[in-house]
PDB file of N, CA and C in Angstrom:
ATOM      1  N   MET A   1      45.397 -40.201 -16.849  1.00  0.00           N
ATOM      2  CA  MET A   1      44.756 -39.052 -17.456  1.00  0.00           C
ATOM      3  C   MET A   1      43.884 -39.467 -18.644  1.00  0.00           C
ATOM      4  N   THR A   2      44.372 -40.429 -19.426  1.00  0.00           N
ATOM      5  CA  THR A   2      43.615 -40.896 -20.577  1.00  0.00           C
ATOM      6  C   THR A   2      42.334 -41.614 -20.136  1.00  0.00           C
ATOM      7  N   SER A   3      42.412 -42.364 -19.063  1.00  0.00           N
ATOM      8  CA  SER A   3      41.231 -43.084 -18.590  1.00  0.00           C
ATOM      9  C   SER A   3      40.167 -42.121 -18.069  1.00  0.00           C
ATOM     10  N   ILE A   4      40.565 -41.001 -17.493  1.00  0.00           N
ATOM     11  CA  ILE A   4      39.603 -40.010 -17.005  1.00  0.00           C
ATOM     12  C   ILE A   4      38.873 -39.380 -18.199  1.00  0.00           C
ATOM     13  N   ARG A   5      39.618 -39.075 -19.256  1.00  0.00           N
ATOM     14  CA  ARG A   5      38.992 -38.504 -20.452  1.00  0.00           C
ATOM     15  C   ARG A   5      38.031 -39.503 -21.091  1.00  0.00           C
ATOM     16  N   LEU A   6      38.454 -40.743 -21.158  1.00  0.00           N
ATOM     17  CA  LEU A   6      37.617 -41.781 -21.736  1.00  0.00           C
ATOM     18  C   LEU A   6      36.342 -41.974 -20.912  1.00  0.00           C
ATOM     19  N   LEU A   7      36.488 -41.982 -19.602  1.00  0.00           N
ATOM     20  CA  LEU A   7      35.337 -42.130 -18.717  1.00  0.00           C
ATOM     21  C   LEU A   7      34.404 -40.922 -18.836  1.00  0.00           C
ATOM     22  N   SER A   8      34.970 -39.736 -18.932  1.00  0.00           N
ATOM     23  CA  SER A   8      34.170 -38.517 -19.088  1.00  0.00           C
ATOM     24  C   SER A   8      33.405 -38.537 -20.414  1.00  0.00           C
ATOM     25  N   ALA A   9      34.078 -38.949 -21.476  1.00  0.00           N
ATOM     26  CA  ALA A   9      33.428 -39.025 -22.787  1.00  0.00           C
ATOM     27  C   ALA A   9      32.283 -40.046 -22.762  1.00  0.00           C
ATOM     28  N   ALA A  10      32.507 -41.176 -22.104  1.00  0.00           N
ATOM     29  CA  ALA A  10      31.466 -42.201 -22.009  1.00  0.00           C
ATOM     30  C   ALA A  10      30.268 -41.681 -21.213  1.00  0.00           C
ATOM     31  N   ALA A  11      30.526 -40.947 -20.141  1.00  0.00           N
ATOM     32  CA  ALA A  11      29.441 -40.396 -19.326  1.00  0.00           C
ATOM     33  C   ALA A  11      28.639 -39.363 -20.113  1.00  0.00           C
ATOM     34  N   LEU A  12      29.326 -38.500 -20.863  1.00  0.00           N
ATOM     35  CA  LEU A  12      28.622 -37.506 -21.680  1.00  0.00           C
ATOM     36  C   LEU A  12      27.780 -38.173 -22.760  1.00  0.00           C
ATOM     37  N   LEU A  13      28.324 -39.206 -23.371  1.00  0.00           N
ATOM     38  CA  LEU A  13      27.583 -39.937 -24.394  1.00  0.00           C
ATOM     39  C   LEU A  13      26.326 -40.577 -23.797  1.00  0.00           C
ATOM     40  N   ALA A  14      26.451 -41.144 -22.624  1.00  0.00           N
ATOM     41  CA  ALA A  14      25.300 -41.765 -21.956  1.00  0.00           C
ATOM     42  C   ALA A  14      24.229 -40.720 -21.641  1.00  0.00           C
ATOM     43  N   LEU A  15      24.651 -39.552 -21.162  1.00  0.00           N
ATOM     44  CA  LEU A  15      23.696 -38.488 -20.853  1.00  0.00           C
ATOM     45  C   LEU A  15      23.007 -37.969 -22.111  1.00  0.00           C
ATOM     46  N   ALA A  16      23.771 -37.803 -23.173  1.00  0.00           N
ATOM     47  CA  ALA A  16      23.204 -37.312 -24.431  1.00  0.00           C
ATOM     48  C   ALA A  16      22.189 -38.305 -24.991  1.00  0.00           C
ATOM     49  N   THR A  17      22.500 -39.578 -24.914  1.00  0.00           N
ATOM     50  CA  THR A  17      21.588 -40.611 -25.398  1.00  0.00           C
ATOM     51  C   THR A  17      20.303 -40.624 -24.583  1.00  0.00           C
ATOM     52  N   SER A  18      20.424 -40.481 -23.286  1.00  0.00           N
ATOM     53  CA  SER A  18      19.251 -40.450 -22.411  1.00  0.00           C
ATOM     54  C   SER A  18      18.377 -39.249 -22.721  1.00  0.00           C
ATOM     55  N   ALA A  19      18.997 -38.089 -22.938  1.00  0.00           N
ATOM     56  CA  ALA A  19      18.239 -36.875 -23.248  1.00  0.00           C
ATOM     57  C   ALA A  19      17.526 -37.021 -24.578  1.00  0.00           C
ATOM     58  N   SER A  20      18.177 -37.617 -25.566  1.00  0.00           N
ATOM     59  CA  SER A  20      17.545 -37.818 -26.870  1.00  0.00           C
ATOM     60  C   SER A  20      16.365 -38.764 -26.758  1.00  0.00           C
ATOM     61  N   ALA A  21      16.516 -39.824 -25.999  1.00  0.00           N
ATOM     62  CA  ALA A  21      15.429 -40.783 -25.839  1.00  0.00           C
ATOM     63  C   ALA A  21      14.237 -40.142 -25.140  1.00  0.00           C
ATOM     64  N   THR A  22      14.504 -39.334 -24.114  1.00  0.00           N
ATOM     65  CA  THR A  22      13.423 -38.656 -23.405  1.00  0.00           C
ATOM     66  C   THR A  22      12.719 -37.678 -24.332  1.00  0.00           C
ATOM     67  N   SER A  23      13.480 -36.943 -25.122  1.00  0.00           N
ATOM     68  CA  SER A  23      12.899 -36.001 -26.071  1.00  0.00           C
ATOM     69  C   SER A  23      12.036 -36.729 -27.091  1.00  0.00           C
ATOM     70  N   PHE A  24      12.498 -37.879 -27.547  1.00  0.00           N
ATOM     71  CA  PHE A  24      11.740 -38.675 -28.507  1.00  0.00           C
ATOM     72  C   PHE A  24      10.420 -39.141 -27.898  1.00  0.00           C
ATOM     73  N   VAL A  25      10.457 -39.588 -26.660  1.00  0.00           N
ATOM     74  CA  VAL A  25       9.249 -40.070 -25.990  1.00  0.00           C
ATOM     75  C   VAL A  25       8.249 -38.937 -25.829  1.00  0.00           C
ATOM     76  N   VAL A  26       8.712 -37.759 -25.418  1.00  0.00           N
ATOM     77  CA  VAL A  26       7.822 -36.616 -25.234  1.00  0.00           C
ATOM     78  C   VAL A  26       7.210 -36.212 -26.567  1.00  0.00           C
ATOM     79  N   THR A  27       8.019 -36.159 -27.624  1.00  0.00           N
ATOM     80  CA  THR A  27       7.523 -35.797 -28.951  1.00  0.00           C
ATOM     81  C   THR A  27       6.505 -36.824 -29.440  1.00  0.00           C
ATOM     82  N   THR A  28       6.814 -38.091 -29.257  1.00  0.00           N
ATOM     83  CA  THR A  28       5.908 -39.153 -29.682  1.00  0.00           C
ATOM     84  C   THR A  28       4.582 -39.066 -28.935  1.00  0.00           C
ATOM     85  N   ASP A  29       4.636 -38.821 -27.630  1.00  0.00           N
ATOM     86  CA  ASP A  29       3.402 -38.684 -26.848  1.00  0.00           C
ATOM     87  C   ASP A  29       2.564 -37.518 -27.357  1.00  0.00           C
ATOM     88  N   ALA A  30       3.200 -36.406 -27.670  1.00  0.00           N
ATOM     89  CA  ALA A  30       2.473 -35.240 -28.160  1.00  0.00           C
ATOM     90  C   ALA A  30       1.798 -35.543 -29.494  1.00  0.00           C
ATOM     91  N   VAL A  31       2.507 -36.207 -30.385  1.00  0.00           N
ATOM     92  CA  VAL A  31       1.941 -36.548 -31.691  1.00  0.00           C
ATOM     93  C   VAL A  31       0.777 -37.528 -31.540  1.00  0.00           C
ATOM     94  N   VAL A  32       0.953 -38.535 -30.715  1.00  0.00           N
ATOM     95  CA  VAL A  32      -0.108 -39.526 -30.496  1.00  0.00           C
ATOM     96  C   VAL A  32      -1.344 -38.866 -29.904  1.00  0.00           C
ATOM     97  N   ASN A  33      -1.161 -37.981 -28.949  1.00  0.00           N
ATOM     98  CA  ASN A  33      -2.306 -37.289 -28.339  1.00  0.00           C
ATOM     99  C   ASN A  33      -3.025 -36.402 -29.357  1.00  0.00           C
ATOM    100  N   ALA A  34      -2.266 -35.738 -30.210  1.00  0.00           N
ATOM    101  CA  ALA A  34      -2.877 -34.898 -31.239  1.00  0.00           C
ATOM    102  C   ALA A  34      -3.670 -35.733 -32.226  1.00  0.00           C
ATOM    103  N   VAL A  35      -3.116 -36.862 -32.626  1.00  0.00           N
ATOM    104  CA  VAL A  35      -3.819 -37.753 -33.552  1.00  0.00           C
ATOM    105  C   VAL A  35      -5.073 -38.312 -32.892  1.00  0.00           C
ATOM    106  N   ALA A  36      -4.987 -38.657 -31.623  1.00  0.00           N
ATOM    107  CA  ALA A  36      -6.152 -39.186 -30.903  1.00  0.00           C
ATOM    108  C   ALA A  36      -7.252 -38.138 -30.820  1.00  0.00           C
ATOM    109  N   ALA A  37      -6.884 -36.897 -30.572  1.00  0.00           N
ATOM    110  CA  ALA A  37      -7.888 -35.826 -30.492  1.00  0.00           C
ATOM    111  C   ALA A  37      -8.570 -35.633 -31.842  1.00  0.00           C
ATOM    112  N   THR A  38      -7.786 -35.660 -32.912  1.00  0.00           N
ATOM    113  CA  THR A  38      -8.352 -35.526 -34.253  1.00  0.00           C
ATOM    114  C   THR A  38      -9.254 -36.706 -34.562  1.00  0.00           C
ATOM    115  N   SER A  39      -8.816 -37.882 -34.186  1.00  0.00           N
ATOM    116  CA  SER A  39      -9.608 -39.087 -34.429  1.00  0.00           C
ATOM    117  C   SER A  39     -10.921 -39.044 -33.662  1.00  0.00           C
ATOM    118  N   ASP A  40     -10.882 -38.601 -32.421  1.00  0.00           N
ATOM    119  CA  ASP A  40     -12.099 -38.494 -31.621  1.00  0.00           C
ATOM    120  C   ASP A  40     -13.070 -37.490 -32.236  1.00  0.00           C
ATOM    121  N   ALA A  41     -12.547 -36.353 -32.654  1.00  0.00           N
ATOM    122  CA  ALA A  41     -13.399 -35.337 -33.277  1.00  0.00           C
ATOM    123  C   ALA A  41     -13.986 -35.865 -34.575  1.00  0.00           C
ATOM    124  N   THR A  42     -13.171 -36.553 -35.350  1.00  0.00           N
ATOM    125  CA  THR A  42     -13.640 -37.122 -36.612  1.00  0.00           C
ATOM    126  C   THR A  42     -14.733 -38.150 -36.357  1.00  0.00           C
ATOM    127  N   SER A  43     -14.538 -39.004 -35.372  1.00  0.00           N
ATOM    128  CA  SER A  43     -15.534 -40.027 -35.052  1.00  0.00           C
ATOM    129  C   SER A  43     -16.850 -39.399 -34.605  1.00  0.00           C
ATOM    130  N   ASP A  44     -16.768 -38.384 -33.745  1.00  0.00           N
ATOM    131  CA  ASP A  44     -17.980 -37.725 -33.263  1.00  0.00           C
ATOM    132  C   ASP A  44     -18.755 -37.088 -34.414  1.00  0.00           C
ATOM    133  N   VAL A  45     -18.039 -36.406 -35.293  1.00  0.00           N
ATOM    134  CA  VAL A  45     -18.706 -35.705 -36.387  1.00  0.00           C
ATOM    135  C   VAL A  45     -19.220 -36.692 -37.421  1.00  0.00           C
ATOM    136  N   THR A  46     -18.406 -37.658 -37.816  1.00  0.00           N
ATOM    137  CA  THR A  46     -18.828 -38.565 -38.874  1.00  0.00           C
ATOM    138  C   THR A  46     -19.994 -39.441 -38.454  1.00  0.00           C
ATOM    139  N   SER A  47     -20.053 -39.825 -37.199  1.00  0.00           N
ATOM    140  CA  SER A  47     -21.163 -40.668 -36.762  1.00  0.00           C
ATOM    141  C   SER A  47     -22.460 -39.881 -36.633  1.00  0.00           C
ATOM    142  N   SER A  48     -22.367 -38.591 -36.365  1.00  0.00           N
ATOM    143  CA  SER A  48     -23.565 -37.787 -36.140  1.00  0.00           C
ATOM    144  C   SER A  48     -24.092 -37.109 -37.400  1.00  0.00           C
ATOM    145  N   PHE A  49     -23.236 -36.803 -38.342  1.00  0.00           N
ATOM    146  CA  PHE A  49     -23.624 -35.965 -39.476  1.00  0.00           C
ATOM    147  C   PHE A  49     -23.406 -36.623 -40.833  1.00  0.00           C
ATOM    148  N   ASP A  50     -23.334 -37.949 -40.866  1.00  0.00           N
ATOM    149  CA  ASP A  50     -23.011 -38.608 -42.125  1.00  0.00           C
ATOM    150  C   ASP A  50     -24.113 -38.514 -43.177  1.00  0.00           C
ATOM    151  N   ASP A  51     -25.327 -38.111 -42.798  1.00  0.00           N
ATOM    152  CA  ASP A  51     -26.398 -37.922 -43.775  1.00  0.00           C
ATOM    153  C   ASP A  51     -27.013 -36.523 -43.692  1.00  0.00           C
ATOM    154  N   ASP A  52     -26.306 -35.589 -43.074  1.00  0.00           N
ATOM    155  CA  ASP A  52     -26.783 -34.223 -42.896  1.00  0.00           C
ATOM    156  C   ASP A  52     -26.494 -33.414 -44.173  1.00  0.00           C
ATOM    157  N   LYS A  53     -27.530 -32.827 -44.767  1.00  0.00           N
ATOM    158  CA  LYS A  53     -27.383 -32.115 -46.039  1.00  0.00           C
ATOM    159  C   LYS A  53     -26.487 -30.885 -45.915  1.00  0.00           C
ATOM    160  N   ILE A  54     -26.576 -30.173 -44.807  1.00  0.00           N
ATOM    161  CA  ILE A  54     -25.750 -28.970 -44.622  1.00  0.00           C
ATOM    162  C   ILE A  54     -24.280 -29.342 -44.573  1.00  0.00           C
ATOM    163  N   VAL A  55     -23.975 -30.395 -43.846  1.00  0.00           N
ATOM    164  CA  VAL A  55     -22.582 -30.824 -43.697  1.00  0.00           C
ATOM    165  C   VAL A  55     -22.064 -31.423 -44.995  1.00  0.00           C
ATOM    166  N   LEU A  56     -22.859 -32.250 -45.650  1.00  0.00           N
ATOM    167  CA  LEU A  56     -22.421 -32.868 -46.906  1.00  0.00           C
ATOM    168  C   LEU A  56     -22.195 -31.820 -48.000  1.00  0.00           C
ATOM    169  N   ALA A  57     -22.993 -30.749 -47.990  1.00  0.00           N
ATOM    170  CA  ALA A  57     -22.834 -29.693 -48.987  1.00  0.00           C
ATOM    171  C   ALA A  57     -21.521 -28.931 -48.817  1.00  0.00           C
ATOM    172  N   ALA A  58     -20.891 -29.071 -47.665  1.00  0.00           N
ATOM    173  CA  ALA A  58     -19.655 -28.328 -47.375  1.00  0.00           C
ATOM    174  C   ALA A  58     -18.389 -29.106 -47.740  1.00  0.00           C
ATOM    175  N   ARG A  59     -18.518 -30.262 -48.348  1.00  0.00           N
ATOM    176  CA  ARG A  59     -17.335 -31.088 -48.641  1.00  0.00           C
ATOM    177  C   ARG A  59     -16.312 -30.377 -49.536  1.00  0.00           C
ATOM    178  N   ASP A  60     -16.778 -29.728 -50.598  1.00  0.00           N
ATOM    179  CA  ASP A  60     -15.839 -29.034 -51.481  1.00  0.00           C
ATOM    180  C   ASP A  60     -15.134 -27.895 -50.752  1.00  0.00           C
ATOM    181  N   ASP A  61     -15.903 -27.142 -49.965  1.00  0.00           N
ATOM    182  CA  ASP A  61     -15.310 -26.059 -49.178  1.00  0.00           C
ATOM    183  C   ASP A  61     -14.328 -26.615 -48.145  1.00  0.00           C
ATOM    184  N   ALA A  62     -14.654 -27.762 -47.561  1.00  0.00           N
ATOM    185  CA  ALA A  62     -13.757 -28.382 -46.582  1.00  0.00           C
ATOM    186  C   ALA A  62     -12.445 -28.805 -47.237  1.00  0.00           C
ATOM    187  N   ALA A  63     -12.529 -29.317 -48.458  1.00  0.00           N
ATOM    188  CA  ALA A  63     -11.314 -29.713 -49.178  1.00  0.00           C
ATOM    189  C   ALA A  63     -10.438 -28.496 -49.460  1.00  0.00           C
ATOM    190  N   SER A  64     -11.048 -27.409 -49.856  1.00  0.00           N
ATOM    191  CA  SER A  64     -10.283 -26.177 -50.104  1.00  0.00           C
ATOM    192  C   SER A  64      -9.667 -25.645 -48.818  1.00  0.00           C
ATOM    193  N   PHE A  65     -10.425 -25.720 -47.740  1.00  0.00           N
ATOM    194  CA  PHE A  65      -9.953 -25.249 -46.439  1.00  0.00           C
ATOM    195  C   PHE A  65      -8.730 -26.049 -45.984  1.00  0.00           C
ATOM    196  N   VAL A  66      -8.820 -27.366 -46.073  1.00  0.00           N
ATOM    197  CA  VAL A  66      -7.710 -28.224 -45.644  1.00  0.00           C
ATOM    198  C   VAL A  66      -6.504 -28.024 -46.559  1.00  0.00           C
ATOM    199  N   ALA A  67      -6.735 -27.975 -47.864  1.00  0.00           N
ATOM    200  CA  ALA A  67      -5.629 -27.835 -48.816  1.00  0.00           C
ATOM    201  C   ALA A  67      -4.908 -26.496 -48.670  1.00  0.00           C
ATOM    202  N   SER A  68      -5.637 -25.467 -48.250  1.00  0.00           N
ATOM    203  CA  SER A  68      -5.029 -24.141 -48.105  1.00  0.00           C
ATOM    204  C   SER A  68      -4.579 -23.852 -46.680  1.00  0.00           C
ATOM    205  N   ALA A  69      -4.599 -24.862 -45.836  1.00  0.00           N
ATOM    206  CA  ALA A  69      -4.221 -24.710 -44.422  1.00  0.00           C
ATOM    207  C   ALA A  69      -5.074 -23.654 -43.727  1.00  0.00           C
ATOM    208  N   GLY A  70      -6.340 -23.582 -44.102  1.00  0.00           N
ATOM    209  CA  GLY A  70      -7.271 -22.686 -43.431  1.00  0.00           C
ATOM    210  C   GLY A  70      -7.421 -21.317 -44.057  1.00  0.00           C
ATOM    211  N   ASP A  71      -6.733 -21.050 -45.158  1.00  0.00           N
ATOM    212  CA  ASP A  71      -6.826 -19.725 -45.778  1.00  0.00           C
ATOM    213  C   ASP A  71      -8.120 -19.532 -46.567  1.00  0.00           C
ATOM    214  N   ILE A  72      -8.650 -20.603 -47.147  1.00  0.00           N
ATOM    215  CA  ILE A  72      -9.876 -20.508 -47.940  1.00  0.00           C
ATOM    216  C   ILE A  72     -11.038 -21.023 -47.104  1.00  0.00           C
ATOM    217  N   ARG A  73     -11.974 -20.117 -46.810  1.00  0.00           N
ATOM    218  CA  ARG A  73     -13.133 -20.468 -45.985  1.00  0.00           C
ATOM    219  C   ARG A  73     -14.400 -20.151 -46.773  1.00  0.00           C
ATOM    220  N   GLY A  74     -15.040 -21.192 -47.266  1.00  0.00           N
ATOM    221  CA  GLY A  74     -16.256 -21.016 -48.045  1.00  0.00           C
ATOM    222  C   GLY A  74     -17.486 -20.835 -47.167  1.00  0.00           C
ATOM    223  N   ALA A  75     -18.542 -20.288 -47.776  1.00  0.00           N
ATOM    224  CA  ALA A  75     -19.785 -20.024 -47.048  1.00  0.00           C
ATOM    225  C   ALA A  75     -20.449 -21.320 -46.569  1.00  0.00           C
ATOM    226  N   GLN A  76     -20.414 -22.346 -47.396  1.00  0.00           N
ATOM    227  CA  GLN A  76     -21.035 -23.614 -46.990  1.00  0.00           C
ATOM    228  C   GLN A  76     -20.275 -24.247 -45.831  1.00  0.00           C
ATOM    229  N   LEU A  77     -18.967 -24.110 -45.826  1.00  0.00           N
ATOM    230  CA  LEU A  77     -18.167 -24.654 -44.726  1.00  0.00           C
ATOM    231  C   LEU A  77     -18.458 -23.899 -43.431  1.00  0.00           C
ATOM    232  N   GLU A  78     -18.548 -22.600 -43.514  1.00  0.00           N
ATOM    233  CA  GLU A  78     -18.874 -21.802 -42.327  1.00  0.00           C
ATOM    234  C   GLU A  78     -20.249 -22.195 -41.780  1.00  0.00           C
ATOM    235  N   ALA A  79     -21.203 -22.435 -42.685  1.00  0.00           N
ATOM    236  CA  ALA A  79     -22.531 -22.856 -42.248  1.00  0.00           C
ATOM    237  C   ALA A  79     -22.469 -24.230 -41.579  1.00  0.00           C
ATOM    238  N   ALA A  80     -21.653 -25.111 -42.127  1.00  0.00           N
ATOM    239  CA  ALA A  80     -21.502 -26.452 -41.540  1.00  0.00           C
ATOM    240  C   ALA A  80     -20.852 -26.370 -40.160  1.00  0.00           C
ATOM    241  N   PHE A  81     -19.824 -25.526 -40.022  1.00  0.00           N
ATOM    242  CA  PHE A  81     -19.184 -25.348 -38.711  1.00  0.00           C
ATOM    243  C   PHE A  81     -20.213 -24.875 -37.685  1.00  0.00           C
ATOM    244  N   LYS A  82     -20.997 -23.882 -38.063  1.00  0.00           N
ATOM    245  CA  LYS A  82     -22.013 -23.336 -37.156  1.00  0.00           C
ATOM    246  C   LYS A  82     -23.050 -24.403 -36.809  1.00  0.00           C
ATOM    247  N   HIS A  83     -23.459 -25.158 -37.806  1.00  0.00           N
ATOM    248  CA  HIS A  83     -24.466 -26.220 -37.604  1.00  0.00           C
ATOM    249  C   HIS A  83     -23.929 -27.312 -36.669  1.00  0.00           C
ATOM    250  N   ILE A  84     -22.705 -27.749 -36.909  1.00  0.00           N
ATOM    251  CA  ILE A  84     -22.097 -28.810 -36.087  1.00  0.00           C
ATOM    252  C   ILE A  84     -21.933 -28.335 -34.643  1.00  0.00           C
ATOM    253  N   ARG A  85     -21.427 -27.123 -34.478  1.00  0.00           N
ATOM    254  CA  ARG A  85     -21.179 -26.621 -33.121  1.00  0.00           C
ATOM    255  C   ARG A  85     -22.473 -26.339 -32.362  1.00  0.00           C
ATOM    256  N   SER A  86     -23.532 -25.994 -33.071  1.00  0.00           N
ATOM    257  CA  SER A  86     -24.808 -25.783 -32.373  1.00  0.00           C
ATOM    258  C   SER A  86     -25.459 -27.117 -32.007  1.00  0.00           C
ATOM    259  N   ALA A  87     -25.245 -28.128 -32.837  1.00  0.00           N
ATOM    260  CA  ALA A  87     -25.818 -29.443 -32.549  1.00  0.00           C
ATOM    261  C   ALA A  87     -25.029 -30.195 -31.484  1.00  0.00           C
ATOM    262  N   GLN A  88     -23.723 -29.934 -31.416  1.00  0.00           N
ATOM    263  CA  GLN A  88     -22.862 -30.610 -30.436  1.00  0.00           C
ATOM    264  C   GLN A  88     -21.967 -29.585 -29.736  1.00  0.00           C
ATOM    265  N   PRO A  89     -22.525 -28.805 -28.816  1.00  0.00           N
ATOM    266  CA  PRO A  89     -21.744 -27.758 -28.158  1.00  0.00           C
ATOM    267  C   PRO A  89     -20.587 -28.293 -27.306  1.00  0.00           C
ATOM    268  N   GLN A  90     -20.635 -29.538 -26.895  1.00  0.00           N
ATOM    269  CA  GLN A  90     -19.563 -30.124 -26.090  1.00  0.00           C
ATOM    270  C   GLN A  90     -18.348 -30.508 -26.938  1.00  0.00           C
ATOM    271  N   LEU A  91     -18.500 -30.506 -28.247  1.00  0.00           N
ATOM    272  CA  LEU A  91     -17.414 -30.901 -29.139  1.00  0.00           C
ATOM    273  C   LEU A  91     -16.334 -29.827 -29.142  1.00  0.00           C
ATOM    274  N   ALA A  92     -15.138 -30.209 -28.733  1.00  0.00           N
ATOM    275  CA  ALA A  92     -14.007 -29.275 -28.695  1.00  0.00           C
ATOM    276  C   ALA A  92     -13.051 -29.626 -29.825  1.00  0.00           C
ATOM    277  N   ALA A  93     -13.388 -29.203 -31.027  1.00  0.00           N
ATOM    278  CA  ALA A  93     -12.559 -29.502 -32.194  1.00  0.00           C
ATOM    279  C   ALA A  93     -12.249 -28.194 -32.915  1.00  0.00           C
ATOM    280  N   SER A  94     -11.062 -28.131 -33.467  1.00  0.00           N
ATOM    281  CA  SER A  94     -10.680 -26.949 -34.233  1.00  0.00           C
ATOM    282  C   SER A  94     -11.395 -26.962 -35.583  1.00  0.00           C
ATOM    283  N   ASP A  95     -11.343 -25.829 -36.282  1.00  0.00           N
ATOM    284  CA  ASP A  95     -11.937 -25.763 -37.618  1.00  0.00           C
ATOM    285  C   ASP A  95     -11.277 -26.777 -38.549  1.00  0.00           C
ATOM    286  N   LEU A  96      -9.964 -26.920 -38.435  1.00  0.00           N
ATOM    287  CA  LEU A  96      -9.248 -27.867 -39.287  1.00  0.00           C
ATOM    288  C   LEU A  96      -9.704 -29.298 -38.997  1.00  0.00           C
ATOM    289  N   GLN A  97      -9.865 -29.640 -37.738  1.00  0.00           N
ATOM    290  CA  GLN A  97     -10.339 -30.984 -37.396  1.00  0.00           C
ATOM    291  C   GLN A  97     -11.744 -31.237 -37.915  1.00  0.00           C
ATOM    292  N   LEU A  98     -12.601 -30.232 -37.817  1.00  0.00           N
ATOM    293  CA  LEU A  98     -13.959 -30.393 -38.339  1.00  0.00           C
ATOM    294  C   LEU A  98     -13.950 -30.538 -39.852  1.00  0.00           C
ATOM    295  N   ALA A  99     -13.135 -29.744 -40.529  1.00  0.00           N
ATOM    296  CA  ALA A  99     -13.045 -29.845 -41.991  1.00  0.00           C
ATOM    297  C   ALA A  99     -12.540 -31.225 -42.410  1.00  0.00           C
ATOM    298  N   GLN A 100     -11.553 -31.745 -41.687  1.00  0.00           N
ATOM    299  CA  GLN A 100     -11.055 -33.082 -41.985  1.00  0.00           C
ATOM    300  C   GLN A 100     -12.138 -34.129 -41.737  1.00  0.00           C
ATOM    301  N   ALA A 101     -12.927 -33.934 -40.707  1.00  0.00           N
ATOM    302  CA  ALA A 101     -14.011 -34.869 -40.411  1.00  0.00           C
ATOM    303  C   ALA A 101     -15.082 -34.813 -41.501  1.00  0.00           C
ATOM    304  N   ILE A 102     -15.366 -33.632 -41.992  1.00  0.00           N
ATOM    305  CA  ILE A 102     -16.337 -33.491 -43.083  1.00  0.00           C
ATOM    306  C   ILE A 102     -15.831 -34.234 -44.322  1.00  0.00           C
ATOM    307  N   LEU A 103     -14.558 -34.139 -44.590  1.00  0.00           N
ATOM    308  CA  LEU A 103     -13.979 -34.844 -45.736  1.00  0.00           C
ATOM    309  C   LEU A 103     -14.036 -36.357 -45.551  1.00  0.00           C
ATOM    310  N   ALA A 104     -14.039 -36.812 -44.323  1.00  0.00           N
ATOM    311  CA  ALA A 104     -14.079 -38.241 -44.049  1.00  0.00           C
ATOM    312  C   ALA A 104     -15.476 -38.833 -44.216  1.00  0.00           C
ATOM    313  N   LEU A 105     -16.485 -37.999 -44.387  1.00  0.00           N
ATOM    314  CA  LEU A 105     -17.855 -38.501 -44.540  1.00  0.00           C
ATOM    315  C   LEU A 105     -18.029 -39.197 -45.870  1.00  0.00           C
TER     316      LEU A 105
END
């Protein structure tokens, strides 16, 4: 009877460890993909707009936007978002990603 309990406990421990490892891998993949998407958006924006006056003028607004988690949206930042999206309509980046890219200039 004791050996059955011990074997059952070992099997449950093995299953729990496997589930945790799988969860970790899925979480890690999600984080890596999110970082890659942000990096791609940042690269696209920074390489195209690093000397653009409209985008550069929005740096302070972008800092406020990022620091406030999107609650503060300045007029210059809105103009930069519109300018970037009209110049690169294929760019699929969120406002936060664009603001971070503007800060990276």
